[in-house]
PDB file of N, CA and C in Angstrom:
ATOM      1  N   MET A   1       0.964  -1.261   0.053  1.00  0.00           N
ATOM      2  CA  MET A   1       0.398  -0.004   0.125  1.00  0.00           C
ATOM      3  C   MET A   1       0.714   1.129  -0.632  1.00  0.00           C
ATOM      4  N   LYS A   2       0.614   2.152  -0.698  1.00  0.00           N
ATOM      5  CA  LYS A   2       1.498   3.684  -0.930  1.00  0.00           C
ATOM      6  C   LYS A   2       1.659   4.381   0.245  1.00  0.00           C
ATOM      7  N   LEU A   3       2.312   5.200   0.765  1.00  0.00           N
ATOM      8  CA  LEU A   3       2.381   6.405   2.100  1.00  0.00           C
ATOM      9  C   LEU A   3       1.438   6.421   1.847  1.00  0.00           C
ATOM     10  N   ASP A   4       0.866   7.586   1.275  1.00  0.00           N
ATOM     11  CA  ASP A   4       0.026   8.515   1.251  1.00  0.00           C
ATOM     12  C   ASP A   4      -1.508   7.921   1.766  1.00  0.00           C
ATOM     13  N   VAL A   5      -1.873   6.714   1.140  1.00  0.00           N
ATOM     14  CA  VAL A   5      -3.053   6.095   1.485  1.00  0.00           C
ATOM     15  C   VAL A   5      -2.883   5.911   3.153  1.00  0.00           C
ATOM     16  N   ILE A   6      -1.541   5.319   3.072  1.00  0.00           N
ATOM     17  CA  ILE A   6      -1.569   4.574   4.782  1.00  0.00           C
ATOM     18  C   ILE A   6      -1.554   5.711   5.660  1.00  0.00           C
ATOM     19  N   VAL A   7      -1.267   7.087   5.184  1.00  0.00           N
ATOM     20  CA  VAL A   7      -1.163   8.397   5.998  1.00  0.00           C
ATOM     21  C   VAL A   7      -2.819   8.591   6.555  1.00  0.00           C
ATOM     22  N   ARG A   8      -3.256   8.999   4.950  1.00  0.00           N
ATOM     23  CA  ARG A   8      -4.524   8.914   5.228  1.00  0.00           C
ATOM     24  C   ARG A   8      -5.373   8.069   6.287  1.00  0.00           C
ATOM     25  N   LEU A   9      -5.160   6.737   5.609  1.00  0.00           N
ATOM     26  CA  LEU A   9      -6.097   5.542   6.640  1.00  0.00           C
ATOM     27  C   LEU A   9      -5.662   6.108   8.365  1.00  0.00           C
ATOM     28  N   ASN A  10      -4.745   5.864   8.546  1.00  0.00           N
ATOM     29  CA  ASN A  10      -4.200   6.597   9.887  1.00  0.00           C
ATOM     30  C   ASN A  10      -5.257   7.702  10.593  1.00  0.00           C
ATOM     31  N   GLU A  11      -4.935   8.720   9.508  1.00  0.00           N
ATOM     32  CA  GLU A  11      -5.821   9.671  10.272  1.00  0.00           C
ATOM     33  C   GLU A  11      -7.217   9.375  10.371  1.00  0.00           C
ATOM     34  N   LEU A  12      -8.201   8.986   9.511  1.00  0.00           N
ATOM     35  CA  LEU A  12      -9.572   8.295   9.253  1.00  0.00           C
ATOM     36  C   LEU A  12      -9.685   7.931  10.955  1.00  0.00           C
ATOM     37  N   PHE A  13      -8.447   6.778  10.937  1.00  0.00           N
ATOM     38  CA  PHE A  13      -8.562   5.813  12.125  1.00  0.00           C
ATOM     39  C   PHE A  13      -8.103   6.615  13.720  1.00  0.00           C
ATOM     40  N   ASP A  14      -7.641   7.522  13.575  1.00  0.00           N
ATOM     41  CA  ASP A  14      -7.012   8.121  14.766  1.00  0.00           C
ATOM     42  C   ASP A  14      -8.608   9.147  14.800  1.00  0.00           C
ATOM     43  N   MET A  15      -9.426   9.803  13.853  1.00  0.00           N
ATOM     44  CA  MET A  15     -10.653  10.592  13.868  1.00  0.00           C
ATOM     45  C   MET A  15     -11.692   9.928  14.495  1.00  0.00           C
ATOM     46  N   TYR A  16     -12.082   8.682  13.702  1.00  0.00           N
ATOM     47  CA  TYR A  16     -13.391   8.237  13.632  1.00  0.00           C
ATOM     48  C   TYR A  16     -13.153   6.417  14.131  1.00  0.00           C
ATOM     49  N   GLY A  17     -11.856   6.357  14.551  1.00  0.00           N
ATOM     50  CA  GLY A  17     -11.968   4.756  15.087  1.00  0.00           C
ATOM     51  C   GLY A  17     -12.550   4.029  16.281  1.00  0.00           C
ATOM     52  N   GLU A  18     -12.848   5.298  16.952  1.00  0.00           N
ATOM     53  CA  GLU A  18     -14.023   4.869  18.429  1.00  0.00           C
ATOM     54  C   GLU A  18     -15.194   4.545  17.670  1.00  0.00           C
ATOM     55  N   LEU A  19     -15.674   4.844  16.306  1.00  0.00           N
ATOM     56  CA  LEU A  19     -16.765   5.138  15.785  1.00  0.00           C
ATOM     57  C   LEU A  19     -17.076   3.063  15.536  1.00  0.00           C
ATOM     58  N   LEU A  20     -15.706   2.328  15.440  1.00  0.00           N
ATOM     59  CA  LEU A  20     -15.950   1.083  15.150  1.00  0.00           C
ATOM     60  C   LEU A  20     -16.099  -0.024  15.958  1.00  0.00           C
ATOM     61  N   THR A  21     -16.269  -1.161  15.609  1.00  0.00           N
ATOM     62  CA  THR A  21     -16.816  -2.134  16.797  1.00  0.00           C
ATOM     63  C   THR A  21     -15.638  -2.125  17.500  1.00  0.00           C
ATOM     64  N   ASP A  22     -15.416  -3.227  18.432  1.00  0.00           N
ATOM     65  CA  ASP A  22     -14.228  -3.320  19.327  1.00  0.00           C
ATOM     66  C   ASP A  22     -13.041  -4.249  18.029  1.00  0.00           C
ATOM     67  N   TYR A  23     -13.665  -5.087  17.352  1.00  0.00           N
ATOM     68  CA  TYR A  23     -12.906  -5.889  16.812  1.00  0.00           C
ATOM     69  C   TYR A  23     -12.308  -5.599  15.488  1.00  0.00           C
ATOM     70  N   GLN A  24     -13.125  -4.766  15.036  1.00  0.00           N
ATOM     71  CA  GLN A  24     -12.630  -3.691  13.713  1.00  0.00           C
ATOM     72  C   GLN A  24     -11.585  -2.718  14.096  1.00  0.00           C
ATOM     73  N   LYS A  25     -11.750  -2.471  15.297  1.00  0.00           N
ATOM     74  CA  LYS A  25     -10.283  -1.371  15.672  1.00  0.00           C
ATOM     75  C   LYS A  25      -9.477  -2.350  16.068  1.00  0.00           C
ATOM     76  N   GLU A  26      -9.370  -3.360  16.506  1.00  0.00           N
ATOM     77  CA  GLU A  26      -8.079  -4.211  16.703  1.00  0.00           C
ATOM     78  C   GLU A  26      -7.795  -4.752  15.207  1.00  0.00           C
ATOM     79  N   VAL A  27      -8.702  -5.359  14.139  1.00  0.00           N
ATOM     80  CA  VAL A  27      -7.924  -5.429  13.123  1.00  0.00           C
ATOM     81  C   VAL A  27      -7.478  -4.402  12.418  1.00  0.00           C
ATOM     82  N   LEU A  28      -7.995  -3.197  12.339  1.00  0.00           N
ATOM     83  CA  LEU A  28      -7.450  -2.148  11.679  1.00  0.00           C
ATOM     84  C   LEU A  28      -6.320  -1.725  12.494  1.00  0.00           C
ATOM     85  N   SER A  29      -6.286  -1.621  13.449  1.00  0.00           N
ATOM     86  CA  SER A  29      -4.941  -1.450  14.469  1.00  0.00           C
ATOM     87  C   SER A  29      -3.619  -2.419  14.526  1.00  0.00           C
ATOM     88  N   GLU A  30      -4.089  -3.645  14.158  1.00  0.00           N
ATOM     89  CA  GLU A  30      -3.078  -4.666  13.349  1.00  0.00           C
ATOM     90  C   GLU A  30      -2.412  -3.972  12.389  1.00  0.00           C
ATOM     91  N   TYR A  31      -3.447  -3.823  11.173  1.00  0.00           N
ATOM     92  CA  TYR A  31      -2.642  -3.999   9.764  1.00  0.00           C
ATOM     93  C   TYR A  31      -2.019  -2.871   9.856  1.00  0.00           C
ATOM     94  N   LEU A  32      -2.289  -1.269  10.264  1.00  0.00           N
ATOM     95  CA  LEU A  32      -1.890  -0.271  10.310  1.00  0.00           C
ATOM     96  C   LEU A  32      -1.216   0.260  11.205  1.00  0.00           C
ATOM     97  N   GLU A  33      -0.998  -0.052  12.361  1.00  0.00           N
ATOM     98  CA  GLU A  33       0.107   0.169  13.252  1.00  0.00           C
ATOM     99  C   GLU A  33       1.214  -0.487  13.419  1.00  0.00           C
ATOM    100  N   TYR A  34       0.856  -2.105  13.621  1.00  0.00           N
ATOM    101  CA  TYR A  34       1.725  -3.248  13.191  1.00  0.00           C
ATOM    102  C   TYR A  34       2.117  -3.538  12.090  1.00  0.00           C
ATOM    103  N   ASP A  35       1.627  -2.874  11.147  1.00  0.00           N
ATOM    104  CA  ASP A  35       1.892  -3.216   9.617  1.00  0.00           C
ATOM    105  C   ASP A  35       1.623  -5.073   9.503  1.00  0.00           C
ATOM    106  N   LEU A  36       1.099  -5.399   9.775  1.00  0.00           N
ATOM    107  CA  LEU A  36       0.734  -7.087   9.857  1.00  0.00           C
ATOM    108  C   LEU A  36      -0.052  -7.249   8.250  1.00  0.00           C
ATOM    109  N   SER A  37       0.114  -8.138   7.584  1.00  0.00           N
ATOM    110  CA  SER A  37      -0.625  -8.903   6.849  1.00  0.00           C
ATOM    111  C   SER A  37      -1.662  -9.785   7.134  1.00  0.00           C
ATOM    112  N   PHE A  38      -2.886  -9.399   5.968  1.00  0.00           N
ATOM    113  CA  PHE A  38      -4.141 -10.266   6.432  1.00  0.00           C
ATOM    114  C   PHE A  38      -3.915 -11.518   6.714  1.00  0.00           C
ATOM    115  N   ALA A  39      -2.545 -12.800   6.337  1.00  0.00           N
ATOM    116  CA  ALA A  39      -2.364 -13.909   6.797  1.00  0.00           C
ATOM    117  C   ALA A  39      -2.229 -13.855   8.175  1.00  0.00           C
ATOM    118  N   GLU A  40      -0.986 -12.737   8.820  1.00  0.00           N
ATOM    119  CA  GLU A  40      -0.720 -12.572   9.843  1.00  0.00           C
ATOM    120  C   GLU A  40      -1.774 -12.482  10.970  1.00  0.00           C
ATOM    121  N   ILE A  41      -2.929 -11.364  10.828  1.00  0.00           N
ATOM    122  CA  ILE A  41      -3.726 -11.183  11.443  1.00  0.00           C
ATOM    123  C   ILE A  41      -5.027 -12.384  11.328  1.00  0.00           C
ATOM    124  N   ALA A  42      -5.203 -13.113  10.411  1.00  0.00           N
ATOM    125  CA  ALA A  42      -5.974 -14.253  10.299  1.00  0.00           C
ATOM    126  C   ALA A  42      -5.267 -15.091  11.067  1.00  0.00           C
ATOM    127  N   GLU A  43      -4.170 -15.379  11.032  1.00  0.00           N
ATOM    128  CA  GLU A  43      -3.723 -16.157  11.785  1.00  0.00           C
ATOM    129  C   GLU A  43      -3.495 -16.093  13.444  1.00  0.00           C
ATOM    130  N   ASN A  44      -3.383 -14.727  14.086  1.00  0.00           N
ATOM    131  CA  ASN A  44      -3.305 -14.619  15.540  1.00  0.00           C
ATOM    132  C   ASN A  44      -4.961 -14.380  16.350  1.00  0.00           C
ATOM    133  N   ARG A  45      -5.671 -14.010  14.545  1.00  0.00           N
ATOM    134  CA  ARG A  45      -7.400 -14.382  15.371  1.00  0.00           C
ATOM    135  C   ARG A  45      -7.692 -15.718  15.085  1.00  0.00           C
ATOM    136  N   LYS A  46      -7.004 -16.211  14.332  1.00  0.00           N
ATOM    137  CA  LYS A  46      -7.799 -18.013  14.350  1.00  0.00           C
ATOM    138  C   LYS A  46      -8.994 -17.825  13.155  1.00  0.00           C
ATOM    139  N   VAL A  47      -8.770 -17.090  12.255  1.00  0.00           N
ATOM    140  CA  VAL A  47     -10.125 -16.875  11.049  1.00  0.00           C
ATOM    141  C   VAL A  47      -9.404 -17.297  10.413  1.00  0.00           C
ATOM    142  N   SER A  48     -10.201 -17.027   8.916  1.00  0.00           N
ATOM    143  CA  SER A  48      -9.525 -17.337   7.719  1.00  0.00           C
ATOM    144  C   SER A  48      -9.064 -15.972   7.093  1.00  0.00           C
ATOM    145  N   ARG A  49      -7.995 -16.246   6.452  1.00  0.00           N
ATOM    146  CA  ARG A  49      -7.253 -15.049   5.604  1.00  0.00           C
ATOM    147  C   ARG A  49      -8.770 -14.031   4.879  1.00  0.00           C
ATOM    148  N   GLN A  50      -8.964 -14.503   3.906  1.00  0.00           N
ATOM    149  CA  GLN A  50     -10.514 -13.855   3.471  1.00  0.00           C
ATOM    150  C   GLN A  50     -11.099 -12.950   4.416  1.00  0.00           C
ATOM    151  N   SER A  51     -11.358 -13.661   5.715  1.00  0.00           N
ATOM    152  CA  SER A  51     -12.259 -13.086   6.487  1.00  0.00           C
ATOM    153  C   SER A  51     -11.961 -11.935   7.514  1.00  0.00           C
ATOM    154  N   SER A  52     -10.270 -11.768   7.696  1.00  0.00           N
ATOM    155  CA  SER A  52      -9.466 -10.430   8.075  1.00  0.00           C
ATOM    156  C   SER A  52      -9.246  -9.829   7.055  1.00  0.00           C
ATOM    157  N   PHE A  53      -9.443 -10.122   5.783  1.00  0.00           N
ATOM    158  CA  PHE A  53      -9.865  -9.128   4.224  1.00  0.00           C
ATOM    159  C   PHE A  53     -10.670  -8.520   4.839  1.00  0.00           C
ATOM    160  N   ILE A  54     -11.767  -9.098   4.772  1.00  0.00           N
ATOM    161  CA  ILE A  54     -13.482  -9.025   4.333  1.00  0.00           C
ATOM    162  C   ILE A  54     -13.593  -7.599   5.975  1.00  0.00           C
ATOM    163  N   VAL A  55     -13.147  -7.820   7.299  1.00  0.00           N
ATOM    164  CA  VAL A  55     -13.145  -7.054   8.238  1.00  0.00           C
ATOM    165  C   VAL A  55     -12.305  -6.025   8.058  1.00  0.00           C
ATOM    166  N   LEU A  56     -11.245  -6.009   7.052  1.00  0.00           N
ATOM    167  CA  LEU A  56     -10.394  -4.759   7.256  1.00  0.00           C
ATOM    168  C   LEU A  56     -11.021  -3.990   6.197  1.00  0.00           C
ATOM    169  N   ASN A  57     -11.628  -4.558   5.388  1.00  0.00           N
ATOM    170  CA  ASN A  57     -12.012  -3.661   4.040  1.00  0.00           C
ATOM    171  C   ASN A  57     -13.082  -2.916   4.698  1.00  0.00           C
ATOM    172  N   LYS A  58     -14.284  -3.427   5.326  1.00  0.00           N
ATOM    173  CA  LYS A  58     -15.865  -3.098   5.764  1.00  0.00           C
ATOM    174  C   LYS A  58     -15.190  -1.580   6.904  1.00  0.00           C
ATOM    175  N   SER A  59     -14.120  -2.535   7.532  1.00  0.00           N
ATOM    176  CA  SER A  59     -13.836  -1.090   8.295  1.00  0.00           C
ATOM    177  C   SER A  59     -13.224   0.335   7.660  1.00  0.00           C
ATOM    178  N   ILE A  60     -12.427  -0.139   6.640  1.00  0.00           N
ATOM    179  CA  ILE A  60     -11.804   1.033   5.900  1.00  0.00           C
ATOM    180  C   ILE A  60     -13.042   1.769   5.487  1.00  0.00           C
ATOM    181  N   LYS A  61     -13.977   0.902   4.519  1.00  0.00           N
ATOM    182  CA  LYS A  61     -14.925   2.066   4.129  1.00  0.00           C
ATOM    183  C   LYS A  61     -15.810   2.364   4.752  1.00  0.00           C
ATOM    184  N   LYS A  62     -16.060   1.725   6.146  1.00  0.00           N
ATOM    185  CA  LYS A  62     -16.893   2.875   7.207  1.00  0.00           C
ATOM    186  C   LYS A  62     -16.286   3.705   7.506  1.00  0.00           C
ATOM    187  N   LEU A  63     -14.602   3.866   7.776  1.00  0.00           N
ATOM    188  CA  LEU A  63     -13.938   5.503   7.922  1.00  0.00           C
ATOM    189  C   LEU A  63     -14.315   6.294   6.773  1.00  0.00           C
ATOM    190  N   GLU A  64     -14.375   6.089   5.389  1.00  0.00           N
ATOM    191  CA  GLU A  64     -14.288   6.588   4.689  1.00  0.00           C
ATOM    192  C   GLU A  64     -16.118   7.170   4.637  1.00  0.00           C
ATOM    193  N   GLU A  65     -16.671   6.308   5.193  1.00  0.00           N
ATOM    194  CA  GLU A  65     -18.286   7.035   4.781  1.00  0.00           C
ATOM    195  C   GLU A  65     -17.941   7.917   6.047  1.00  0.00           C
ATOM    196  N   TYR A  66     -17.769   8.048   7.371  1.00  0.00           N
ATOM    197  CA  TYR A  66     -17.729   8.673   8.033  1.00  0.00           C
ATOM    198  C   TYR A  66     -17.146   9.843   7.600  1.00  0.00           C
ATOM    199  N   GLU A  67     -15.729  10.159   7.080  1.00  0.00           N
ATOM    200  CA  GLU A  67     -15.460  11.295   6.863  1.00  0.00           C
ATOM    201  C   GLU A  67     -16.172  12.030   5.616  1.00  0.00           C
ATOM    202  N   GLU A  68     -16.873  11.224   4.978  1.00  0.00           N
ATOM    203  CA  GLU A  68     -17.667  11.981   3.753  1.00  0.00           C
ATOM    204  C   GLU A  68     -18.902  12.585   4.164  1.00  0.00           C
ATOM    205  N   LYS A  69     -19.095  12.030   5.134  1.00  0.00           N
ATOM    206  CA  LYS A  69     -20.757  12.775   6.302  1.00  0.00           C
ATOM    207  C   LYS A  69     -19.848  13.682   6.570  1.00  0.00           C
ATOM    208  N   ILE A  70     -18.946  13.523   7.625  1.00  0.00           N
ATOM    209  CA  ILE A  70     -18.669  14.237   8.842  1.00  0.00           C
ATOM    210  C   ILE A  70     -17.665  15.737   8.166  1.00  0.00           C
ATOM    211  N   GLY A  71     -16.281  14.922   7.385  1.00  0.00           N
ATOM    212  CA  GLY A  71     -15.719  15.873   6.991  1.00  0.00           C
ATOM    213  C   GLY A  71     -14.377  16.590   8.270  1.00  0.00           C
ATOM    214  N   ALA A  72     -14.112  16.064   9.281  1.00  0.00           N
ATOM    215  CA  ALA A  72     -13.559  15.996  10.268  1.00  0.00           C
ATOM    216  C   ALA A  72     -11.590  15.861   9.913  1.00  0.00           C
ATOM    217  N   VAL A  73     -11.363  15.236   9.278  1.00  0.00           N
ATOM    218  CA  VAL A  73      -9.887  15.010   8.361  1.00  0.00           C
ATOM    219  C   VAL A  73      -9.899  16.357   7.764  1.00  0.00           C
ATOM    220  N   LYS A  74     -10.680  16.416   6.732  1.00  0.00           N
ATOM    221  CA  LYS A  74     -10.571  17.469   5.986  1.00  0.00           C
ATOM    222  C   LYS A  74     -10.450  18.695   6.354  1.00  0.00           C
ATOM    223  N   ALA A  75     -10.997  19.658   7.359  1.00  0.00           N
ATOM    224  CA  ALA A  75     -11.578  20.192   8.332  1.00  0.00           C
ATOM    225  C   ALA A  75     -10.282  20.208   8.732  1.00  0.00           C
ATOM    226  N   LYS A  76      -9.836  19.320   9.671  1.00  0.00           N
ATOM    227  CA  LYS A  76      -8.459  19.385  10.283  1.00  0.00           C
ATOM    228  C   LYS A  76      -7.350  19.629   9.211  1.00  0.00           C
ATOM    229  N   ARG A  77      -7.337  19.457   7.990  1.00  0.00           N
ATOM    230  CA  ARG A  77      -5.909  19.772   6.957  1.00  0.00           C
ATOM    231  C   ARG A  77      -5.808  21.024   6.735  1.00  0.00           C
ATOM    232  N   GLU A  78      -7.552  21.625   6.575  1.00  0.00           N
ATOM    233  CA  GLU A  78      -7.748  22.731   6.055  1.00  0.00           C
ATOM    234  C   GLU A  78      -6.720  23.989   7.360  1.00  0.00           C
ATOM    235  N   TYR A  79      -7.766  23.707   8.794  1.00  0.00           N
ATOM    236  CA  TYR A  79      -7.035  24.787   9.715  1.00  0.00           C
ATOM    237  C   TYR A  79      -5.387  24.460   9.863  1.00  0.00           C
ATOM    238  N   GLN A  80      -5.227  23.382   9.821  1.00  0.00           N
ATOM    239  CA  GLN A  80      -3.099  23.307   9.783  1.00  0.00           C
ATOM    240  C   GLN A  80      -2.881  23.948   8.586  1.00  0.00           C
ATOM    241  N   LYS A  81      -3.405  23.977   7.609  1.00  0.00           N
ATOM    242  CA  LYS A  81      -2.584  25.230   6.429  1.00  0.00           C
ATOM    243  C   LYS A  81      -3.039  26.416   6.816  1.00  0.00           C
ATOM    244  N   VAL A  82      -4.033  27.019   7.374  1.00  0.00           N
ATOM    245  CA  VAL A  82      -4.123  28.465   8.101  1.00  0.00           C
ATOM    246  C   VAL A  82      -3.436  28.359   9.164  1.00  0.00           C
ATOM    247  N   ILE A  83      -3.341  27.951   9.952  1.00  0.00           N
ATOM    248  CA  ILE A  83      -2.251  28.209  11.176  1.00  0.00           C
ATOM    249  C   ILE A  83      -1.064  28.353  10.546  1.00  0.00           C
ATOM    250  N   LYS A  84      -0.319  27.578   9.460  1.00  0.00           N
ATOM    251  CA  LYS A  84       0.695  27.570   9.237  1.00  0.00           C
ATOM    252  C   LYS A  84       1.061  28.596   8.555  1.00  0.00           C
ATOM    253  N   ALA A  85      -0.145  29.178   7.506  1.00  0.00           N
ATOM    254  CA  ALA A  85      -0.086  30.106   6.786  1.00  0.00           C
ATOM    255  C   ALA A  85       0.564  31.870   8.218  1.00  0.00           C
ATOM    256  N   VAL A  86      -0.175  31.540   9.085  1.00  0.00           N
ATOM    257  CA  VAL A  86      -0.690  32.532   9.953  1.00  0.00           C
ATOM    258  C   VAL A  86       0.745  32.273  11.036  1.00  0.00           C
ATOM    259  N   LEU A  87       1.440  31.564  11.179  1.00  0.00           N
ATOM    260  CA  LEU A  87       2.524  31.669  11.983  1.00  0.00           C
ATOM    261  C   LEU A  87       3.707  31.842  10.949  1.00  0.00           C
ATOM    262  N   GLU A  88       3.565  31.743   9.639  1.00  0.00           N
ATOM    263  CA  GLU A  88       5.047  32.050   8.508  1.00  0.00           C
ATOM    264  C   GLU A  88       4.830  33.478   8.378  1.00  0.00           C
ATOM    265  N   HIS A  89       3.861  33.957   8.826  1.00  0.00           N
ATOM    266  CA  HIS A  89       3.325  35.629   8.290  1.00  0.00           C
ATOM    267  C   HIS A  89       4.077  36.104   9.321  1.00  0.00           C
ATOM    268  N   LEU A  90       3.585  35.749  10.905  1.00  0.00           N
ATOM    269  CA  LEU A  90       4.151  35.981  12.043  1.00  0.00           C
ATOM    270  C   LEU A  90       5.535  36.002  12.421  1.00  0.00           C
ATOM    271  N   LYS A  91       6.133  34.777  12.017  1.00  0.00           N
ATOM    272  CA  LYS A  91       7.515  34.667  11.939  1.00  0.00           C
ATOM    273  C   LYS A  91       8.190  35.922  11.294  1.00  0.00           C
ATOM    274  N   ASN A  92       7.596  36.333   9.797  1.00  0.00           N
ATOM    275  CA  ASN A  92       8.155  37.331   9.194  1.00  0.00           C
ATOM    276  C   ASN A  92       7.846  38.535   9.943  1.00  0.00           C
ATOM    277  N   GLY A  93       7.305  38.990  10.503  1.00  0.00           N
ATOM    278  CA  GLY A  93       6.744  39.982  11.233  1.00  0.00           C
ATOM    279  C   GLY A  93       5.453  40.549  10.651  1.00  0.00           C
ATOM    280  N   GLU A  94       4.866  39.592   9.857  1.00  0.00           N
ATOM    281  CA  GLU A  94       3.451  40.384   8.994  1.00  0.00           C
ATOM    282  C   GLU A  94       2.061  40.453   9.830  1.00  0.00           C
ATOM    283  N   VAL A  95       2.001  41.451  10.767  1.00  0.00           N
ATOM    284  CA  VAL A  95       1.166  41.000  11.441  1.00  0.00           C
ATOM    285  C   VAL A  95      -0.524  41.250  11.023  1.00  0.00           C
ATOM    286  N   GLU A  96      -0.298  42.138  10.509  1.00  0.00           N
ATOM    287  CA  GLU A  96      -1.367  42.761   9.971  1.00  0.00           C
ATOM    288  C   GLU A  96      -1.773  41.294   8.537  1.00  0.00           C
ATOM    289  N   GLN A  97      -1.161  40.721   7.604  1.00  0.00           N
ATOM    290  CA  GLN A  97      -1.558  39.737   6.974  1.00  0.00           C
ATOM    291  C   GLN A  97      -1.817  38.437   7.798  1.00  0.00           C
ATOM    292  N   SER A  98      -1.140  38.210   9.001  1.00  0.00           N
ATOM    293  CA  SER A  98      -2.250  37.200   9.818  1.00  0.00           C
ATOM    294  C   SER A  98      -3.840  37.859  10.442  1.00  0.00           C
ATOM    295  N   ILE A  99      -3.363  38.962  10.719  1.00  0.00           N
ATOM    296  CA  ILE A  99      -5.002  39.220  11.155  1.00  0.00           C
ATOM    297  C   ILE A  99      -5.954  38.860   9.885  1.00  0.00           C
ATOM    298  N   ASP A 100      -5.127  39.163   8.709  1.00  0.00           N
ATOM    299  CA  ASP A 100      -6.450  39.140   7.295  1.00  0.00           C
ATOM    300  C   ASP A 100      -6.567  38.048   6.995  1.00  0.00           C
ATOM    301  N   ILE A 101      -5.507  36.848   7.359  1.00  0.00           N
ATOM    302  CA  ILE A 101      -5.710  35.575   7.349  1.00  0.00           C
ATOM    303  C   ILE A 101      -6.946  35.200   8.101  1.00  0.00           C
ATOM    304  N   LEU A 102      -6.914  35.392   9.382  1.00  0.00           N
ATOM    305  CA  LEU A 102      -7.630  35.064  10.729  1.00  0.00           C
ATOM    306  C   LEU A 102      -8.995  35.542  10.332  1.00  0.00           C
ATOM    307  N   SER A 103      -8.979  36.417  10.229  1.00  0.00           N
ATOM    308  CA  SER A 103     -10.686  37.239  10.111  1.00  0.00           C
ATOM    309  C   SER A 103     -11.770  36.613   8.744  1.00  0.00           C
ATOM    310  N   ARG A 104     -10.308  35.954   7.468  1.00  0.00           N
ATOM    311  CA  ARG A 104     -11.098  35.161   6.713  1.00  0.00           C
ATOM    312  C   ARG A 104     -11.682  33.977   6.662  1.00  0.00           C
ATOM    313  N   GLU A 105     -10.805  33.305   7.916  1.00  0.00           N
ATOM    314  CA  GLU A 105     -11.708  32.085   8.677  1.00  0.00           C
ATOM    315  C   GLU A 105     -12.631  32.113   9.688  1.00  0.00           C
ATOM    316  N   VAL A 106     -13.067  33.221  10.171  1.00  0.00           N
ATOM    317  CA  VAL A 106     -14.064  33.329  11.472  1.00  0.00           C
ATOM    318  C   VAL A 106     -15.523  33.526  10.674  1.00  0.00           C
TER     319      VAL A 106
END
């Protein structure tokens, strides 16, 4: 899996993981945090590889659905961009530009 996909899944898991079942959280955690394969997850849980694959994909789909409806990860990224721009202007002594950026966001 590509790094940008893994980063996105981790963001989604951090934001919405508590909305998953305990089992889904555990399987997704093993996949994302411990980098286990479907086969390793299946072996640890004494289920088929296909079962671990299905649980993992349903969990990811659920996280994507939450983001589509709520948009918290997208909002967080947008706020991070604003904060970065404001800090950059402040670092350069450009207080007025910082105020302008912040006033547009309110």
